[in-house]
Amino acid sequence: MDLRYFELHDLLCEAMIALEAGNYPAAAATVRKALAWVEADWLATPGTLPAFVGPSRSIPDEPDDD
């Protein structure tokens, strides 16, 4: 399971809470923080990616009902 999803989810929830409260500067700052985090973590170049951990688990295909 990729736990980065939860970090991103938390940042976006924080932005939505600030937006609902009418705190637009805080919402904008949180969205900028989330975008910077995504750019740094998920859009990394191959030279900056973490070391290979191992093969991912593959999900078997469902059998056809033919």
PDB file of N, CA and C in Angstrom:
ATOM      1  N   MET A   1       0.849  -1.177   0.000  1.00  0.00           N
ATOM      2  CA  MET A   1       0.000   0.000   0.000  1.00  0.00           C
ATOM      3  C   MET A   1       0.892   1.236   0.000  1.00  0.00           C
ATOM      4  N   ASP A   2       0.550   2.178  -0.840  1.00  0.00           N
ATOM      5  CA  ASP A   2       1.314   3.406  -0.952  1.00  0.00           C
ATOM      6  C   ASP A   2       0.777   4.413   0.066  1.00  0.00           C
ATOM      7  N   LEU A   3       1.539   4.668   1.099  1.00  0.00           N
ATOM      8  CA  LEU A   3       1.083   5.560   2.165  1.00  0.00           C
ATOM      9  C   LEU A   3       1.162   7.028   1.775  1.00  0.00           C
ATOM     10  N   ARG A   4       1.809   7.330   0.656  1.00  0.00           N
ATOM     11  CA  ARG A   4       1.869   8.731   0.223  1.00  0.00           C
ATOM     12  C   ARG A   4       0.477   9.273  -0.060  1.00  0.00           C
ATOM     13  N   TYR A   5      -0.439   8.386  -0.443  1.00  0.00           N
ATOM     14  CA  TYR A   5      -1.811   8.800  -0.711  1.00  0.00           C
ATOM     15  C   TYR A   5      -2.410   9.484   0.515  1.00  0.00           C
ATOM     16  N   PHE A   6      -2.146   8.931   1.693  1.00  0.00           N
ATOM     17  CA  PHE A   6      -2.724   9.479   2.911  1.00  0.00           C
ATOM     18  C   PHE A   6      -2.150  10.852   3.240  1.00  0.00           C
ATOM     19  N   GLU A   7      -0.861  11.050   2.965  1.00  0.00           N
ATOM     20  CA  GLU A   7      -0.254  12.361   3.184  1.00  0.00           C
ATOM     21  C   GLU A   7      -0.886  13.393   2.272  1.00  0.00           C
ATOM     22  N   LEU A   8      -1.060  13.028   1.011  1.00  0.00           N
ATOM     23  CA  LEU A   8      -1.691  13.939   0.065  1.00  0.00           C
ATOM     24  C   LEU A   8      -3.138  14.204   0.448  1.00  0.00           C
ATOM     25  N   HIS A   9      -3.838  13.178   0.862  1.00  0.00           N
ATOM     26  CA  HIS A   9      -5.232  13.316   1.289  1.00  0.00           C
ATOM     27  C   HIS A   9      -5.326  14.283   2.468  1.00  0.00           C
ATOM     28  N   ASP A  10      -4.441  14.148   3.441  1.00  0.00           N
ATOM     29  CA  ASP A  10      -4.449  15.035   4.600  1.00  0.00           C
ATOM     30  C   ASP A  10      -4.227  16.494   4.203  1.00  0.00           C
ATOM     31  N   LEU A  11      -3.293  16.721   3.297  1.00  0.00           N
ATOM     32  CA  LEU A  11      -3.028  18.089   2.850  1.00  0.00           C
ATOM     33  C   LEU A  11      -4.242  18.677   2.139  1.00  0.00           C
ATOM     34  N   LEU A  12      -4.867  17.889   1.284  1.00  0.00           N
ATOM     35  CA  LEU A  12      -6.022  18.405   0.556  1.00  0.00           C
ATOM     36  C   LEU A  12      -7.228  18.605   1.468  1.00  0.00           C
ATOM     37  N   CYS A  13      -7.385  17.743   2.476  1.00  0.00           N
ATOM     38  CA  CYS A  13      -8.459  17.945   3.458  1.00  0.00           C
ATOM     39  C   CYS A  13      -8.226  19.231   4.249  1.00  0.00           C
ATOM     40  N   GLU A  14      -6.986  19.473   4.597  1.00  0.00           N
ATOM     41  CA  GLU A  14      -6.655  20.704   5.315  1.00  0.00           C
ATOM     42  C   GLU A  14      -7.000  21.928   4.466  1.00  0.00           C
ATOM     43  N   ALA A  15      -6.724  21.841   3.169  1.00  0.00           N
ATOM     44  CA  ALA A  15      -7.067  22.947   2.271  1.00  0.00           C
ATOM     45  C   ALA A  15      -8.576  23.131   2.181  1.00  0.00           C
ATOM     46  N   MET A  16      -9.320  22.034   2.116  1.00  0.00           N
ATOM     47  CA  MET A  16     -10.777  22.135   2.033  1.00  0.00           C
ATOM     48  C   MET A  16     -11.374  22.720   3.310  1.00  0.00           C
ATOM     49  N   ILE A  17     -10.830  22.351   4.453  1.00  0.00           N
ATOM     50  CA  ILE A  17     -11.312  22.898   5.726  1.00  0.00           C
ATOM     51  C   ILE A  17     -11.070  24.400   5.765  1.00  0.00           C
ATOM     52  N   ALA A  18      -9.891  24.834   5.330  1.00  0.00           N
ATOM     53  CA  ALA A  18      -9.588  26.268   5.301  1.00  0.00           C
ATOM     54  C   ALA A  18     -10.507  26.987   4.320  1.00  0.00           C
ATOM     55  N   LEU A  19     -10.793  26.356   3.194  1.00  0.00           N
ATOM     56  CA  LEU A  19     -11.685  26.950   2.202  1.00  0.00           C
ATOM     57  C   LEU A  19     -13.100  27.092   2.750  1.00  0.00           C
ATOM     58  N   GLU A  20     -13.595  26.055   3.406  1.00  0.00           N
ATOM     59  CA  GLU A  20     -14.931  26.102   4.007  1.00  0.00           C
ATOM     60  C   GLU A  20     -15.023  27.179   5.088  1.00  0.00           C
ATOM     61  N   ALA A  21     -13.916  27.411   5.789  1.00  0.00           N
ATOM     62  CA  ALA A  21     -13.890  28.419   6.853  1.00  0.00           C
ATOM     63  C   ALA A  21     -13.719  29.823   6.288  1.00  0.00           C
ATOM     64  N   GLY A  22     -13.508  29.923   4.989  1.00  0.00           N
ATOM     65  CA  GLY A  22     -13.331  31.230   4.371  1.00  0.00           C
ATOM     66  C   GLY A  22     -11.917  31.765   4.496  1.00  0.00           C
ATOM     67  N   ASN A  23     -10.990  30.929   4.897  1.00  0.00           N
ATOM     68  CA  ASN A  23      -9.604  31.341   5.050  1.00  0.00           C
ATOM     69  C   ASN A  23      -8.877  31.033   3.738  1.00  0.00           C
ATOM     70  N   TYR A  24      -9.086  31.891   2.741  1.00  0.00           N
ATOM     71  CA  TYR A  24      -8.556  31.656   1.410  1.00  0.00           C
ATOM     72  C   TYR A  24      -7.030  31.672   1.348  1.00  0.00           C
ATOM     73  N   PRO A  25      -6.357  32.559   2.071  1.00  0.00           N
ATOM     74  CA  PRO A  25      -4.885  32.508   2.038  1.00  0.00           C
ATOM     75  C   PRO A  25      -4.326  31.186   2.583  1.00  0.00           C
ATOM     76  N   ALA A  26      -4.920  30.662   3.647  1.00  0.00           N
ATOM     77  CA  ALA A  26      -4.453  29.389   4.201  1.00  0.00           C
ATOM     78  C   ALA A  26      -4.755  28.242   3.227  1.00  0.00           C
ATOM     79  N   ALA A  27      -5.918  28.283   2.586  1.00  0.00           N
ATOM     80  CA  ALA A  27      -6.269  27.246   1.612  1.00  0.00           C
ATOM     81  C   ALA A  27      -5.301  27.270   0.438  1.00  0.00           C
ATOM     82  N   ALA A  28      -4.994  28.459  -0.062  1.00  0.00           N
ATOM     83  CA  ALA A  28      -4.062  28.581  -1.185  1.00  0.00           C
ATOM     84  C   ALA A  28      -2.669  28.103  -0.787  1.00  0.00           C
ATOM     85  N   ALA A  29      -2.241  28.443   0.417  1.00  0.00           N
ATOM     86  CA  ALA A  29      -0.918  28.015   0.882  1.00  0.00           C
ATOM     87  C   ALA A  29      -0.848  26.497   1.011  1.00  0.00           C
ATOM     88  N   THR A  30      -1.921  25.880   1.487  1.00  0.00           N
ATOM     89  CA  THR A  30      -1.938  24.431   1.644  1.00  0.00           C
ATOM     90  C   THR A  30      -1.951  23.735   0.284  1.00  0.00           C
ATOM     91  N   VAL A  31      -2.674  24.280  -0.676  1.00  0.00           N
ATOM     92  CA  VAL A  31      -2.678  23.701  -2.023  1.00  0.00           C
ATOM     93  C   VAL A  31      -1.291  23.825  -2.647  1.00  0.00           C
ATOM     94  N   ARG A  32      -0.634  24.971  -2.464  1.00  0.00           N
ATOM     95  CA  ARG A  32       0.734  25.126  -2.978  1.00  0.00           C
ATOM     96  C   ARG A  32       1.677  24.120  -2.321  1.00  0.00           C
ATOM     97  N   LYS A  33       1.483  23.882  -1.022  1.00  0.00           N
ATOM     98  CA  LYS A  33       2.304  22.905  -0.298  1.00  0.00           C
ATOM     99  C   LYS A  33       2.070  21.498  -0.855  1.00  0.00           C
ATOM    100  N   ALA A  34       0.808  21.155  -1.115  1.00  0.00           N
ATOM    101  CA  ALA A  34       0.484  19.842  -1.673  1.00  0.00           C
ATOM    102  C   ALA A  34       1.085  19.674  -3.065  1.00  0.00           C
ATOM    103  N   LEU A  35       0.990  20.706  -3.892  1.00  0.00           N
ATOM    104  CA  LEU A  35       1.556  20.626  -5.236  1.00  0.00           C
ATOM    105  C   LEU A  35       3.077  20.489  -5.197  1.00  0.00           C
ATOM    106  N   ALA A  36       3.718  21.230  -4.307  1.00  0.00           N
ATOM    107  CA  ALA A  36       5.170  21.122  -4.177  1.00  0.00           C
ATOM    108  C   ALA A  36       5.558  19.723  -3.715  1.00  0.00           C
ATOM    109  N   TRP A  37       4.776  19.159  -2.803  1.00  0.00           N
ATOM    110  CA  TRP A  37       5.049  17.818  -2.296  1.00  0.00           C
ATOM    111  C   TRP A  37       4.899  16.779  -3.414  1.00  0.00           C
ATOM    112  N   VAL A  38       3.838  16.908  -4.211  1.00  0.00           N
ATOM    113  CA  VAL A  38       3.611  15.973  -5.320  1.00  0.00           C
ATOM    114  C   VAL A  38       4.738  16.095  -6.340  1.00  0.00           C
ATOM    115  N   GLU A  39       5.109  17.323  -6.676  1.00  0.00           N
ATOM    116  CA  GLU A  39       6.184  17.514  -7.645  1.00  0.00           C
ATOM    117  C   GLU A  39       7.490  16.908  -7.149  1.00  0.00           C
ATOM    118  N   ALA A  40       7.778  17.075  -5.878  1.00  0.00           N
ATOM    119  CA  ALA A  40       9.039  16.580  -5.330  1.00  0.00           C
ATOM    120  C   ALA A  40       9.028  15.067  -5.148  1.00  0.00           C
ATOM    121  N   ASP A  41       7.878  14.503  -4.783  1.00  0.00           N
ATOM    122  CA  ASP A  41       7.830  13.084  -4.447  1.00  0.00           C
ATOM    123  C   ASP A  41       7.411  12.199  -5.610  1.00  0.00           C
ATOM    124  N   TRP A  42       6.372  12.555  -6.327  1.00  0.00           N
ATOM    125  CA  TRP A  42       5.831  11.683  -7.368  1.00  0.00           C
ATOM    126  C   TRP A  42       6.362  12.001  -8.752  1.00  0.00           C
ATOM    127  N   LEU A  43       6.786  13.210  -8.971  1.00  0.00           N
ATOM    128  CA  LEU A  43       7.278  13.571 -10.295  1.00  0.00           C
ATOM    129  C   LEU A  43       8.804  13.629 -10.306  1.00  0.00           C
ATOM    130  N   ALA A  44       9.409  12.800  -9.489  1.00  0.00           N
ATOM    131  CA  ALA A  44      10.863  12.767  -9.402  1.00  0.00           C
ATOM    132  C   ALA A  44      11.451  12.208 -10.691  1.00  0.00           C
ATOM    133  N   THR A  45      12.653  12.629 -10.983  1.00  0.00           N
ATOM    134  CA  THR A  45      13.346  12.088 -12.144  1.00  0.00           C
ATOM    135  C   THR A  45      13.926  10.728 -11.772  1.00  0.00           C
ATOM    136  N   PRO A  46      14.213   9.877 -12.734  1.00  0.00           N
ATOM    137  CA  PRO A  46      14.732   8.541 -12.415  1.00  0.00           C
ATOM    138  C   PRO A  46      15.977   8.569 -11.529  1.00  0.00           C
ATOM    139  N   GLY A  47      16.796   9.596 -11.644  1.00  0.00           N
ATOM    140  CA  GLY A  47      17.992   9.685 -10.825  1.00  0.00           C
ATOM    141  C   GLY A  47      17.700   9.986  -9.367  1.00  0.00           C
ATOM    142  N   THR A  48      16.506  10.492  -9.077  1.00  0.00           N
ATOM    143  CA  THR A  48      16.179  10.845  -7.705  1.00  0.00           C
ATOM    144  C   THR A  48      15.180   9.886  -7.069  1.00  0.00           C
ATOM    145  N   LEU A  49      14.813   8.831  -7.801  1.00  0.00           N
ATOM    146  CA  LEU A  49      13.863   7.865  -7.251  1.00  0.00           C
ATOM    147  C   LEU A  49      14.539   7.003  -6.183  1.00  0.00           C
ATOM    148  N   PRO A  50      13.778   6.546  -5.189  1.00  0.00           N
ATOM    149  CA  PRO A  50      14.357   5.664  -4.185  1.00  0.00           C
ATOM    150  C   PRO A  50      14.792   4.335  -4.799  1.00  0.00           C
ATOM    151  N   ALA A  51      15.622   3.621  -4.091  1.00  0.00           N
ATOM    152  CA  ALA A  51      16.131   2.341  -4.581  1.00  0.00           C
ATOM    153  C   ALA A  51      14.987   1.359  -4.799  1.00  0.00           C
ATOM    154  N   PHE A  52      15.163   0.443  -5.725  1.00  0.00           N
ATOM    155  CA  PHE A  52      14.167  -0.573  -6.032  1.00  0.00           C
ATOM    156  C   PHE A  52      14.004  -1.492  -4.826  1.00  0.00           C
ATOM    157  N   VAL A  53      12.766  -1.695  -4.398  1.00  0.00           N
ATOM    158  CA  VAL A  53      12.496  -2.478  -3.206  1.00  0.00           C
ATOM    159  C   VAL A  53      12.196  -3.933  -3.534  1.00  0.00           C
ATOM    160  N   GLY A  54      11.653  -4.181  -4.666  1.00  0.00           N
ATOM    161  CA  GLY A  54      11.306  -5.544  -5.045  1.00  0.00           C
ATOM    162  C   GLY A  54      10.128  -5.530  -5.995  1.00  0.00           C
ATOM    163  N   PRO A  55       9.783  -6.673  -6.543  1.00  0.00           N
ATOM    164  CA  PRO A  55       8.663  -6.710  -7.487  1.00  0.00           C
ATOM    165  C   PRO A  55       7.343  -6.424  -6.786  1.00  0.00           C
ATOM    166  N   SER A  56       6.466  -5.774  -7.503  1.00  0.00           N
ATOM    167  CA  SER A  56       5.143  -5.502  -6.938  1.00  0.00           C
ATOM    168  C   SER A  56       4.283  -6.746  -7.065  1.00  0.00           C
ATOM    169  N   ARG A  57       3.308  -6.848  -6.208  1.00  0.00           N
ATOM    170  CA  ARG A  57       2.384  -7.984  -6.279  1.00  0.00           C
ATOM    171  C   ARG A  57       1.443  -7.751  -7.433  1.00  0.00           C
ATOM    172  N   SER A  58       1.281  -8.742  -8.259  1.00  0.00           N
ATOM    173  CA  SER A  58       0.352  -8.604  -9.370  1.00  0.00           C
ATOM    174  C   SER A  58      -0.994  -9.198  -8.974  1.00  0.00           C
ATOM    175  N   ILE A  59      -2.028  -8.600  -9.484  1.00  0.00           N
ATOM    176  CA  ILE A  59      -3.388  -9.070  -9.218  1.00  0.00           C
ATOM    177  C   ILE A  59      -3.768 -10.012 -10.356  1.00  0.00           C
ATOM    178  N   PRO A  60      -4.140 -11.249 -10.035  1.00  0.00           N
ATOM    179  CA  PRO A  60      -4.471 -12.193 -11.109  1.00  0.00           C
ATOM    180  C   PRO A  60      -5.718 -11.742 -11.863  1.00  0.00           C
ATOM    181  N   ASP A  61      -5.713 -12.049 -13.153  1.00  0.00           N
ATOM    182  CA  ASP A  61      -6.873 -11.718 -13.988  1.00  0.00           C
ATOM    183  C   ASP A  61      -8.043 -12.584 -13.594  1.00  0.00           C
ATOM    184  N   GLU A  62      -9.240 -12.029 -13.717  1.00  0.00           N
ATOM    185  CA  GLU A  62     -10.437 -12.813 -13.452  1.00  0.00           C
ATOM    186  C   GLU A  62     -10.698 -13.746 -14.621  1.00  0.00           C
ATOM    187  N   PRO A  63     -11.120 -14.966 -14.358  1.00  0.00           N
ATOM    188  CA  PRO A  63     -11.389 -15.890 -15.472  1.00  0.00           C
ATOM    189  C   PRO A  63     -12.585 -15.421 -16.278  1.00  0.00           C
ATOM    190  N   ASP A  64     -12.530 -15.722 -17.572  1.00  0.00           N
ATOM    191  CA  ASP A  64     -13.658 -15.375 -18.457  1.00  0.00           C
ATOM    192  C   ASP A  64     -14.827 -16.310 -18.196  1.00  0.00           C
ATOM    193  N   ASP A  65     -16.020 -15.803 -18.374  1.00  0.00           N
ATOM    194  CA  ASP A  65     -17.226 -16.605 -18.145  1.00  0.00           C
ATOM    195  C   ASP A  65     -17.722 -17.264 -19.433  1.00  0.00           C
ATOM    196  N   ASP A  66     -16.845 -17.430 -20.410  1.00  0.00           N
ATOM    197  CA  ASP A  66     -17.251 -18.019 -21.685  1.00  0.00           C
ATOM    198  C   ASP A  66     -17.459 -19.492 -21.593  1.00  0.00           C
TER     199      ASP A  66
END
